[in-house]
N, C-alpha and C. Protein backbone atom coordinates (compact mmCIF):
# COMPACT_ATOMS: atom_id res chain seq x y z
N MET A 1 67.94 110.76 89.05
CA MET A 1 69.10 111.22 89.24
C MET A 1 70.19 110.27 89.83
N SER A 2 71.28 110.04 89.31
CA SER A 2 72.16 108.98 89.90
C SER A 2 73.09 109.59 91.03
N THR A 3 73.45 108.76 91.83
CA THR A 3 74.36 109.26 93.03
C THR A 3 75.78 109.31 92.39
N PRO A 4 76.54 110.22 92.84
CA PRO A 4 77.87 110.19 92.19
C PRO A 4 78.75 109.14 92.99
N ARG A 5 79.74 108.53 92.20
CA ARG A 5 80.50 107.49 92.69
C ARG A 5 81.57 108.02 93.27
N PRO A 6 82.26 107.43 94.41
CA PRO A 6 83.40 108.00 94.92
C PRO A 6 84.64 107.85 94.02
N THR A 7 85.59 108.57 94.14
CA THR A 7 86.94 108.40 93.35
C THR A 7 88.06 108.41 94.18
N SER A 8 89.10 107.74 93.91
CA SER A 8 90.33 107.73 94.47
C SER A 8 90.37 107.71 96.05
N THR A 9 91.00 106.63 96.54
CA THR A 9 90.99 106.49 98.05
C THR A 9 91.85 107.69 98.77
N GLN A 10 91.32 108.02 99.98
CA GLN A 10 91.94 109.06 100.65
C GLN A 10 92.61 108.68 101.87
N GLY A 11 92.50 107.47 102.38
CA GLY A 11 93.15 106.97 103.47
C GLY A 11 93.69 105.63 103.44
N PRO A 12 94.09 105.05 104.61
CA PRO A 12 94.79 103.80 104.55
C PRO A 12 93.69 102.71 104.21
N TRP A 13 94.01 101.64 103.71
CA TRP A 13 93.07 100.40 103.67
C TRP A 13 93.10 99.80 104.98
N ARG A 14 91.90 99.42 105.51
CA ARG A 14 91.65 98.78 106.76
C ARG A 14 90.96 97.35 106.55
N LYS A 15 91.57 96.41 107.36
CA LYS A 15 90.78 95.03 107.23
C LYS A 15 89.60 95.06 108.10
N SER A 16 88.58 94.19 107.72
CA SER A 16 87.42 94.14 108.65
C SER A 16 87.87 93.41 109.85
N SER A 17 87.17 93.85 110.87
CA SER A 17 87.43 93.29 112.37
C SER A 17 86.94 91.78 112.47
N TYR A 18 86.08 91.36 111.33
CA TYR A 18 85.45 90.11 111.41
C TYR A 18 86.39 89.24 110.44
N SER A 19 87.46 89.66 109.98
CA SER A 19 88.31 88.90 109.00
C SER A 19 88.79 87.58 109.77
N GLY A 20 88.79 86.52 108.95
CA GLY A 20 89.26 85.29 109.47
C GLY A 20 90.87 85.18 109.29
N ALA A 21 91.48 84.22 110.00
CA ALA A 21 92.94 83.95 109.97
C ALA A 21 93.31 83.39 108.51
N ASN A 22 92.35 82.86 107.76
CA ASN A 22 92.69 82.34 106.44
C ASN A 22 92.72 83.27 105.47
N GLY A 23 92.58 84.59 105.70
CA GLY A 23 92.70 85.53 104.61
C GLY A 23 91.33 85.87 103.92
N ASP A 24 90.35 85.32 104.30
CA ASP A 24 88.90 85.58 103.79
C ASP A 24 88.47 86.97 104.20
N CYS A 25 88.81 87.96 103.74
CA CYS A 25 88.36 89.29 104.19
C CYS A 25 88.53 90.29 103.19
N VAL A 26 87.73 91.49 103.48
CA VAL A 26 87.76 92.53 102.67
C VAL A 26 88.49 93.83 103.40
N GLU A 27 88.83 94.64 102.61
CA GLU A 27 89.52 95.95 102.98
C GLU A 27 88.73 97.17 102.56
N VAL A 28 88.46 98.11 103.58
CA VAL A 28 87.68 99.43 103.18
C VAL A 28 88.86 100.55 103.37
N ALA A 29 88.51 101.56 102.56
CA ALA A 29 89.14 102.82 102.58
C ALA A 29 88.33 104.04 102.31
N LEU A 30 88.55 105.19 102.95
CA LEU A 30 87.86 106.41 102.61
C LEU A 30 88.19 106.65 101.20
N ALA A 31 87.14 107.18 100.43
CA ALA A 31 87.22 107.58 99.13
C ALA A 31 86.64 108.97 98.89
N ARG A 32 87.00 109.69 98.09
CA ARG A 32 86.31 111.00 97.80
C ARG A 32 84.95 110.73 97.46
N GLY A 33 83.91 110.98 98.22
CA GLY A 33 82.52 110.71 98.04
C GLY A 33 81.93 109.46 98.57
N GLY A 34 82.75 108.69 99.38
CA GLY A 34 82.18 107.49 99.95
C GLY A 34 83.28 106.59 100.38
N MET A 35 83.02 105.27 100.16
CA MET A 35 84.03 104.25 100.54
C MET A 35 84.43 103.29 99.29
N ALA A 36 85.61 102.75 99.48
CA ALA A 36 86.01 101.85 98.48
C ALA A 36 86.26 100.50 99.24
N VAL A 37 85.98 99.36 98.51
CA VAL A 37 86.12 98.03 99.14
C VAL A 37 87.03 97.19 98.13
N ARG A 38 87.91 96.50 98.70
CA ARG A 38 88.68 95.50 97.90
C ARG A 38 88.83 94.15 98.64
N ASP A 39 89.23 93.20 97.89
CA ASP A 39 89.52 91.81 98.36
C ASP A 39 90.98 91.89 98.99
N SER A 40 91.36 91.60 100.23
CA SER A 40 92.55 91.73 100.65
C SER A 40 93.56 90.64 100.15
N LYS A 41 92.96 89.53 99.66
CA LYS A 41 93.85 88.54 99.00
C LYS A 41 94.34 88.80 97.76
N ASP A 42 93.67 89.76 97.06
CA ASP A 42 94.17 90.24 95.72
C ASP A 42 93.91 91.64 95.49
N PRO A 43 94.47 92.48 96.16
CA PRO A 43 94.30 94.03 96.19
C PRO A 43 94.44 94.73 94.94
N ASP A 44 95.29 94.13 94.04
CA ASP A 44 95.38 94.68 92.56
C ASP A 44 94.38 94.28 91.64
N ALA A 45 93.42 93.49 92.16
CA ALA A 45 92.35 93.01 91.18
C ALA A 45 91.30 94.11 90.98
N GLY A 46 91.31 95.13 91.76
CA GLY A 46 90.41 96.16 91.58
C GLY A 46 89.66 96.43 92.74
N GLN A 47 88.67 97.39 92.79
CA GLN A 47 87.94 97.80 93.94
C GLN A 47 86.48 98.30 93.61
N GLN A 48 85.64 98.17 94.56
CA GLN A 48 84.20 98.58 94.39
C GLN A 48 84.19 99.97 95.00
N ALA A 49 83.50 100.87 94.45
CA ALA A 49 83.20 102.11 95.01
C ALA A 49 81.81 102.35 95.38
N HIS A 50 81.44 102.93 96.66
CA HIS A 50 80.22 103.08 97.06
C HIS A 50 80.10 104.47 97.77
N SER A 51 79.05 104.99 97.17
CA SER A 51 78.67 106.45 97.65
C SER A 51 78.28 106.37 99.20
N THR A 52 78.41 107.55 99.94
CA THR A 52 78.17 107.52 101.36
C THR A 52 76.63 106.91 101.81
N ALA A 53 75.60 107.44 101.22
CA ALA A 53 74.32 106.88 101.67
C ALA A 53 74.15 105.53 101.52
N PRO A 54 74.35 104.90 100.34
CA PRO A 54 74.26 103.37 100.18
C PRO A 54 75.15 102.65 101.15
N TRP A 55 76.45 103.17 101.39
CA TRP A 55 77.35 102.52 102.22
C TRP A 55 76.73 102.65 103.81
N THR A 56 76.36 103.53 104.16
CA THR A 56 75.72 103.74 105.48
C THR A 56 74.57 102.73 105.59
N THR A 57 73.84 102.78 104.66
CA THR A 57 72.61 101.93 104.81
C THR A 57 73.11 100.34 105.00
N PHE A 58 74.11 100.00 104.13
CA PHE A 58 74.67 98.64 104.33
C PHE A 58 75.15 98.38 105.67
N ILE A 59 75.95 99.40 106.03
CA ILE A 59 76.56 99.15 107.43
C ILE A 59 75.57 99.10 108.63
N HIS A 60 74.60 99.82 108.51
CA HIS A 60 73.27 99.74 109.54
C HIS A 60 72.59 98.30 109.32
N ALA A 61 72.46 97.78 108.22
CA ALA A 61 71.89 96.48 107.96
C ALA A 61 72.76 95.34 108.45
N VAL A 62 74.04 95.41 108.35
CA VAL A 62 74.98 94.53 108.84
C VAL A 62 74.83 94.50 110.43
N ARG A 63 74.99 95.78 110.89
CA ARG A 63 75.17 95.82 112.33
C ARG A 63 73.73 95.44 113.09
N SER A 64 72.62 95.56 112.42
CA SER A 64 71.40 95.17 112.91
C SER A 64 71.00 93.78 112.79
N GLY A 65 71.70 93.13 111.86
CA GLY A 65 71.56 91.69 111.63
C GLY A 65 70.48 91.41 110.62
N THR A 66 70.06 92.43 109.82
CA THR A 66 68.96 92.27 108.96
C THR A 66 69.51 91.62 107.41
N LEU A 67 70.81 91.23 107.30
CA LEU A 67 71.38 90.71 106.15
C LEU A 67 71.43 89.16 106.21
N GLY A 68 71.17 88.81 107.47
CA GLY A 68 71.25 87.28 107.52
C GLY A 68 72.28 86.79 108.40
């Protein structure tokens, strides 16, 4: 069974707190069913949609340092 993908953002886009001054960053927004991610340098290029469970797993891995 596939996990439903989120659709349409429901909140403001927020930049990562780890964003550099050179613009190399991503933005995230709440989306119906999960989170949306886009490149802040080119916001019109599209976005990735992530369901809640995989997004939560990713955030835990980043915070714990297991991604490198």
